[in-house]
PDB file of all heavy atoms in Angstrom:
ATOM      1  N   ARG A   1       4.047 -17.399   1.355  1.00  0.00           N
ATOM      2  CA  ARG A   1       3.071 -18.137   0.558  1.00  0.00           C
ATOM      3  C   ARG A   1       3.455 -18.148  -0.925  1.00  0.00           C
ATOM      4  O   ARG A   1       2.599 -18.188  -1.794  1.00  0.00           O
ATOM      5  CB  ARG A   1       1.678 -17.517   0.733  1.00  0.00           C
ATOM      6  CG  ARG A   1       1.126 -17.567   2.148  1.00  0.00           C
ATOM      7  CD  ARG A   1       0.806 -18.977   2.627  1.00  0.00           C
ATOM      8  NE  ARG A   1      -0.102 -19.636   1.719  1.00  0.00           N
ATOM      9  CZ  ARG A   1      -1.400 -19.757   1.909  1.00  0.00           C
ATOM     10  NH1 ARG A   1      -1.956 -19.295   2.996  1.00  0.00           N
ATOM     11  NH2 ARG A   1      -2.149 -20.363   1.017  1.00  0.00           N
ATOM     12  N   GLY A   2       4.749 -18.068  -1.200  1.00  0.00           N
ATOM     13  CA  GLY A   2       5.215 -18.107  -2.585  1.00  0.00           C
ATOM     14  C   GLY A   2       6.009 -16.872  -2.955  1.00  0.00           C
ATOM     15  O   GLY A   2       6.043 -15.888  -2.216  1.00  0.00           O
ATOM     16  N   ALA A   3       6.626 -16.940  -4.124  1.00  0.00           N
ATOM     17  CA  ALA A   3       7.539 -15.886  -4.582  1.00  0.00           C
ATOM     18  C   ALA A   3       6.838 -14.550  -4.837  1.00  0.00           C
ATOM     19  O   ALA A   3       7.487 -13.514  -4.886  1.00  0.00           O
ATOM     20  CB  ALA A   3       8.249 -16.336  -5.855  1.00  0.00           C
ATOM     21  N   GLU A   4       5.521 -14.556  -5.003  1.00  0.00           N
ATOM     22  CA  GLU A   4       4.804 -13.313  -5.313  1.00  0.00           C
ATOM     23  C   GLU A   4       3.908 -12.868  -4.166  1.00  0.00           C
ATOM     24  O   GLU A   4       2.999 -12.071  -4.355  1.00  0.00           O
ATOM     25  CB  GLU A   4       4.002 -13.501  -6.603  1.00  0.00           C
ATOM     26  CG  GLU A   4       4.922 -13.817  -7.787  1.00  0.00           C
ATOM     27  CD  GLU A   4       4.194 -13.948  -9.105  1.00  0.00           C
ATOM     28  OE1 GLU A   4       2.984 -14.250  -9.115  1.00  0.00           O
ATOM     29  OE2 GLU A   4       4.846 -13.748 -10.134  1.00  0.00           O
ATOM     30  N   SER A   5       4.177 -13.378  -2.962  1.00  0.00           N
ATOM     31  CA  SER A   5       3.340 -13.028  -1.814  1.00  0.00           C
ATOM     32  C   SER A   5       3.993 -11.938  -0.972  1.00  0.00           C
ATOM     33  O   SER A   5       5.220 -11.794  -0.952  1.00  0.00           O
ATOM     34  CB  SER A   5       3.071 -14.270  -0.953  1.00  0.00           C
ATOM     35  OG  SER A   5       4.263 -14.757  -0.362  1.00  0.00           O
ATOM     36  N   GLY A   6       3.167 -11.161  -0.286  1.00  0.00           N
ATOM     37  CA  GLY A   6       3.658 -10.089   0.574  1.00  0.00           C
ATOM     38  C   GLY A   6       2.541  -9.132   0.947  1.00  0.00           C
ATOM     39  O   GLY A   6       1.385  -9.338   0.598  1.00  0.00           O
ATOM     40  N   TRP A   7       2.909  -8.078   1.655  1.00  0.00           N
ATOM     41  CA  TRP A   7       1.929  -7.107   2.151  1.00  0.00           C
ATOM     42  C   TRP A   7       1.793  -5.916   1.214  1.00  0.00           C
ATOM     43  O   TRP A   7       2.773  -5.404   0.693  1.00  0.00           O
ATOM     44  CB  TRP A   7       2.340  -6.624   3.543  1.00  0.00           C
ATOM     45  CG  TRP A   7       2.118  -7.671   4.564  1.00  0.00           C
ATOM     46  CD1 TRP A   7       3.039  -8.533   5.083  1.00  0.00           C
ATOM     47  CD2 TRP A   7       0.872  -8.009   5.170  1.00  0.00           C
ATOM     48  NE1 TRP A   7       2.439  -9.378   5.977  1.00  0.00           N
ATOM     49  CE2 TRP A   7       1.108  -9.081   6.051  1.00  0.00           C
ATOM     50  CE3 TRP A   7      -0.425  -7.517   5.049  1.00  0.00           C
ATOM     51  CZ2 TRP A   7       0.093  -9.660   6.813  1.00  0.00           C
ATOM     52  CZ3 TRP A   7      -1.434  -8.089   5.810  1.00  0.00           C
ATOM     53  CH2 TRP A   7      -1.174  -9.142   6.672  1.00  0.00           C
ATOM     54  N   MET A   8       0.542  -5.479   1.028  1.00  0.00           N
ATOM     55  CA  MET A   8       0.229  -4.288   0.230  1.00  0.00           C
ATOM     56  C   MET A   8      -0.769  -3.462   1.037  1.00  0.00           C
ATOM     57  O   MET A   8      -1.468  -3.995   1.894  1.00  0.00           O
ATOM     58  CB  MET A   8      -0.418  -4.672  -1.105  1.00  0.00           C
ATOM     59  CG  MET A   8       0.473  -5.486  -2.016  1.00  0.00           C
ATOM     60  SD  MET A   8      -0.372  -5.887  -3.573  1.00  0.00           S
ATOM     61  CE  MET A   8      -0.450  -4.281  -4.353  1.00  0.00           C
ATOM     62  N   TYR A   9      -0.840  -2.180   0.722  1.00  0.00           N
ATOM     63  CA  TYR A   9      -1.869  -1.361   1.365  1.00  0.00           C
ATOM     64  C   TYR A   9      -2.716  -0.667   0.313  1.00  0.00           C
ATOM     65  O   TYR A   9      -2.296  -0.434  -0.813  1.00  0.00           O
ATOM     66  CB  TYR A   9      -1.255  -0.360   2.344  1.00  0.00           C
ATOM     67  CG  TYR A   9      -0.562   0.818   1.717  1.00  0.00           C
ATOM     68  CD1 TYR A   9      -1.204   2.046   1.602  1.00  0.00           C
ATOM     69  CD2 TYR A   9       0.749   0.724   1.243  1.00  0.00           C
ATOM     70  CE1 TYR A   9      -0.571   3.142   1.034  1.00  0.00           C
ATOM     71  CE2 TYR A   9       1.395   1.802   0.684  1.00  0.00           C
ATOM     72  CZ  TYR A   9       0.726   3.006   0.580  1.00  0.00           C
ATOM     73  OH  TYR A   9       1.357   4.085   0.012  1.00  0.00           O
ATOM     74  N   ARG A  10      -3.958  -0.389   0.730  1.00  0.00           N
ATOM     75  CA  ARG A  10      -4.925   0.270  -0.157  1.00  0.00           C
ATOM     76  C   ARG A  10      -5.508   1.449   0.626  1.00  0.00           C
ATOM     77  O   ARG A  10      -5.828   1.308   1.803  1.00  0.00           O
ATOM     78  CB  ARG A  10      -6.007  -0.749  -0.522  1.00  0.00           C
ATOM     79  CG  ARG A  10      -7.006  -0.305  -1.509  1.00  0.00           C
ATOM     80  CD  ARG A  10      -7.804  -1.440  -2.127  1.00  0.00           C
ATOM     81  NE  ARG A  10      -8.417  -2.354  -1.179  1.00  0.00           N
ATOM     82  CZ  ARG A  10      -8.894  -3.552  -1.524  1.00  0.00           C
ATOM     83  NH1 ARG A  10      -8.818  -3.985  -2.768  1.00  0.00           N
ATOM     84  NH2 ARG A  10      -9.453  -4.328  -0.627  1.00  0.00           N
ATOM     85  N   VAL A  11      -5.613   2.596  -0.026  1.00  0.00           N
ATOM     86  CA  VAL A  11      -6.197   3.788   0.592  1.00  0.00           C
ATOM     87  C   VAL A  11      -7.419   4.182  -0.230  1.00  0.00           C
ATOM     88  O   VAL A  11      -7.314   4.410  -1.434  1.00  0.00           O
ATOM     89  CB  VAL A  11      -5.193   4.953   0.648  1.00  0.00           C
ATOM     90  CG1 VAL A  11      -5.839   6.192   1.278  1.00  0.00           C
ATOM     91  CG2 VAL A  11      -3.944   4.559   1.421  1.00  0.00           C
ATOM     92  N   ASN A  12      -8.567   4.217   0.434  1.00  0.00           N
ATOM     93  CA  ASN A  12      -9.830   4.587  -0.225  1.00  0.00           C
ATOM     94  C   ASN A  12     -10.061   3.772  -1.496  1.00  0.00           C
ATOM     95  O   ASN A  12     -10.497   4.296  -2.515  1.00  0.00           O
ATOM     96  CB  ASN A  12      -9.860   6.091  -0.517  1.00  0.00           C
ATOM     97  CG  ASN A  12      -9.693   6.922   0.740  1.00  0.00           C
ATOM     98  OD1 ASN A  12     -10.160   6.547   1.810  1.00  0.00           O
ATOM     99  ND2 ASN A  12      -8.996   8.029   0.629  1.00  0.00           N
ATOM    100  N   GLY A  13      -9.737   2.485  -1.438  1.00  0.00           N
ATOM    101  CA  GLY A  13     -10.000   1.584  -2.554  1.00  0.00           C
ATOM    102  C   GLY A  13      -8.933   1.551  -3.631  1.00  0.00           C
ATOM    103  O   GLY A  13      -9.045   0.804  -4.590  1.00  0.00           O
ATOM    104  N   GLU A  14      -7.879   2.369  -3.503  1.00  0.00           N
ATOM    105  CA  GLU A  14      -6.823   2.439  -4.511  1.00  0.00           C
ATOM    106  C   GLU A  14      -5.493   1.965  -3.927  1.00  0.00           C
ATOM    107  O   GLU A  14      -5.206   2.212  -2.759  1.00  0.00           O
ATOM    108  CB  GLU A  14      -6.649   3.881  -5.008  1.00  0.00           C
ATOM    109  CG  GLU A  14      -7.891   4.493  -5.622  1.00  0.00           C
ATOM    110  CD  GLU A  14      -8.209   3.949  -6.995  1.00  0.00           C
ATOM    111  OE1 GLU A  14      -7.263   3.672  -7.756  1.00  0.00           O
ATOM    112  OE2 GLU A  14      -9.401   3.810  -7.302  1.00  0.00           O
ATOM    113  N   PHE A  15      -4.681   1.333  -4.757  1.00  0.00           N
ATOM    114  CA  PHE A  15      -3.329   0.924  -4.354  1.00  0.00           C
ATOM    115  C   PHE A  15      -2.356   2.023  -4.771  1.00  0.00           C
ATOM    116  O   PHE A  15      -2.071   2.161  -5.955  1.00  0.00           O
ATOM    117  CB  PHE A  15      -2.941  -0.405  -5.018  1.00  0.00           C
ATOM    118  CG  PHE A  15      -3.706  -1.580  -4.476  1.00  0.00           C
ATOM    119  CD1 PHE A  15      -4.824  -2.058  -5.137  1.00  0.00           C
ATOM    120  CD2 PHE A  15      -3.298  -2.202  -3.300  1.00  0.00           C
ATOM    121  CE1 PHE A  15      -5.533  -3.137  -4.632  1.00  0.00           C
ATOM    122  CE2 PHE A  15      -4.000  -3.284  -2.793  1.00  0.00           C
ATOM    123  CZ  PHE A  15      -5.118  -3.752  -3.455  1.00  0.00           C
ATOM    124  N   PRO A  16      -1.846   2.820  -3.815  1.00  0.00           N
ATOM    125  CA  PRO A  16      -0.909   3.892  -4.165  1.00  0.00           C
ATOM    126  C   PRO A  16       0.393   3.340  -4.747  1.00  0.00           C
ATOM    127  O   PRO A  16       0.791   2.215  -4.444  1.00  0.00           O
ATOM    128  CB  PRO A  16      -0.633   4.581  -2.827  1.00  0.00           C
ATOM    129  CG  PRO A  16      -1.800   4.223  -1.969  1.00  0.00           C
ATOM    130  CD  PRO A  16      -2.184   2.836  -2.392  1.00  0.00           C
ATOM    131  N   SER A  17       1.052   4.141  -5.543  1.00  0.00           N
ATOM    132  CA  SER A  17       2.301   3.705  -6.177  1.00  0.00           C
ATOM    133  C   SER A  17       3.518   4.183  -5.391  1.00  0.00           C
ATOM    134  O   SER A  17       4.611   4.243  -5.930  1.00  0.00           O
ATOM    135  CB  SER A  17       2.360   4.227  -7.614  1.00  0.00           C
ATOM    136  OG  SER A  17       2.295   5.641  -7.599  1.00  0.00           O
ATOM    137  N   LYS A  18       3.314   4.548  -4.121  1.00  0.00           N
ATOM    138  CA  LYS A  18       4.449   4.977  -3.305  1.00  0.00           C
ATOM    139  C   LYS A  18       4.501   4.176  -2.015  1.00  0.00           C
ATOM    140  O   LYS A  18       3.514   3.571  -1.604  1.00  0.00           O
ATOM    141  CB  LYS A  18       4.417   6.469  -3.040  1.00  0.00           C
ATOM    142  CG  LYS A  18       3.161   6.987  -2.369  1.00  0.00           C
ATOM    143  CD  LYS A  18       3.273   8.432  -1.949  1.00  0.00           C
ATOM    144  CE  LYS A  18       2.969   9.402  -3.061  1.00  0.00           C
ATOM    145  NZ  LYS A  18       2.903  10.790  -2.602  1.00  0.00           N
ATOM    146  N   SER A  19       5.646   4.202  -1.392  1.00  0.00           N
ATOM    147  CA  SER A  19       5.881   3.499  -0.132  1.00  0.00           C
ATOM    148  C   SER A  19       4.913   3.975   0.948  1.00  0.00           C
ATOM    149  O   SER A  19       4.509   5.138   0.975  1.00  0.00           O
ATOM    150  CB  SER A  19       7.320   3.774   0.304  1.00  0.00           C
ATOM    151  OG  SER A  19       7.481   3.562   1.680  1.00  0.00           O
ATOM    152  N   ALA A  20       4.579   3.063   1.864  1.00  0.00           N
ATOM    153  CA  ALA A  20       3.706   3.412   2.986  1.00  0.00           C
ATOM    154  C   ALA A  20       4.323   4.498   3.858  1.00  0.00           C
ATOM    155  O   ALA A  20       3.612   5.257   4.508  1.00  0.00           O
ATOM    156  CB  ALA A  20       3.405   2.166   3.819  1.00  0.00           C
ATOM    157  N   GLY A  21       5.644   4.599   3.841  1.00  0.00           N
ATOM    158  CA  GLY A  21       6.326   5.628   4.614  1.00  0.00           C
ATOM    159  C   GLY A  21       6.277   6.995   3.962  1.00  0.00           C
ATOM    160  O   GLY A  21       6.552   8.010   4.595  1.00  0.00           O
ATOM    161  N   ALA A  22       5.908   7.031   2.690  1.00  0.00           N
ATOM    162  CA  ALA A  22       5.870   8.288   1.942  1.00  0.00           C
ATOM    163  C   ALA A  22       4.442   8.771   1.684  1.00  0.00           C
ATOM    164  O   ALA A  22       4.239   9.889   1.223  1.00  0.00           O
ATOM    165  CB  ALA A  22       6.591   8.129   0.602  1.00  0.00           C
ATOM    166  N   TYR A  23       3.447   7.936   1.970  1.00  0.00           N
ATOM    167  CA  TYR A  23       2.051   8.304   1.708  1.00  0.00           C
ATOM    168  C   TYR A  23       1.469   8.972   2.953  1.00  0.00           C
ATOM    169  O   TYR A  23       1.308   8.336   3.991  1.00  0.00           O
ATOM    170  CB  TYR A  23       1.229   7.061   1.335  1.00  0.00           C
ATOM    171  CG  TYR A  23      -0.137   7.401   0.794  1.00  0.00           C
ATOM    172  CD1 TYR A  23      -0.387   7.367  -0.564  1.00  0.00           C
ATOM    173  CD2 TYR A  23      -1.178   7.777   1.644  1.00  0.00           C
ATOM    174  CE1 TYR A  23      -1.646   7.689  -1.064  1.00  0.00           C
ATOM    175  CE2 TYR A  23      -2.427   8.103   1.151  1.00  0.00           C
ATOM    176  CZ  TYR A  23      -2.654   8.064  -0.206  1.00  0.00           C
ATOM    177  OH  TYR A  23      -3.900   8.387  -0.699  1.00  0.00           O
ATOM    178  N   THR A  24       1.144  10.260   2.845  1.00  0.00           N
ATOM    179  CA  THR A  24       0.583  11.005   3.970  1.00  0.00           C
ATOM    180  C   THR A  24      -0.927  10.784   4.032  1.00  0.00           C
ATOM    181  O   THR A  24      -1.628  10.923   3.027  1.00  0.00           O
ATOM    182  CB  THR A  24       0.884  12.512   3.831  1.00  0.00           C
ATOM    183  OG1 THR A  24       2.302  12.671   3.714  1.00  0.00           O
ATOM    184  CG2 THR A  24       0.397  13.283   5.046  1.00  0.00           C
ATOM    185  N   VAL A  25      -1.394  10.445   5.222  1.00  0.00           N
ATOM    186  CA  VAL A  25      -2.802  10.132   5.448  1.00  0.00           C
ATOM    187  C   VAL A  25      -3.584  11.405   5.734  1.00  0.00           C
ATOM    188  O   VAL A  25      -3.076  12.322   6.374  1.00  0.00           O
ATOM    189  CB  VAL A  25      -2.936   9.174   6.658  1.00  0.00           C
ATOM    190  CG1 VAL A  25      -4.379   8.824   6.927  1.00  0.00           C
ATOM    191  CG2 VAL A  25      -2.118   7.921   6.431  1.00  0.00           C
ATOM    192  N   ALA A  26      -4.830  11.439   5.259  1.00  0.00           N
ATOM    193  CA  ALA A  26      -5.737  12.533   5.573  1.00  0.00           C
ATOM    194  C   ALA A  26      -6.871  11.986   6.455  1.00  0.00           C
ATOM    195  O   ALA A  26      -7.247  10.822   6.313  1.00  0.00           O
ATOM    196  CB  ALA A  26      -6.325  13.118   4.284  1.00  0.00           C
ATOM    197  N   PRO A  27      -7.400  12.809   7.356  1.00  0.00           N
ATOM    198  CA  PRO A  27      -8.528  12.347   8.163  1.00  0.00           C
ATOM    199  C   PRO A  27      -9.653  11.834   7.254  1.00  0.00           C
ATOM    200  O   PRO A  27      -9.951  12.435   6.226  1.00  0.00           O
ATOM    201  CB  PRO A  27      -8.958  13.597   8.937  1.00  0.00           C
ATOM    202  CG  PRO A  27      -7.706  14.416   9.028  1.00  0.00           C
ATOM    203  CD  PRO A  27      -7.003  14.178   7.714  1.00  0.00           C
TER     204      PRO A  27
END
């Protein structure tokens, strides 16, 4: 959908500054 489109993730309302593979989830 354009040069600035792509997937992002948000945890508890915040956009983490690390890769999804490096962000450890808590229950």
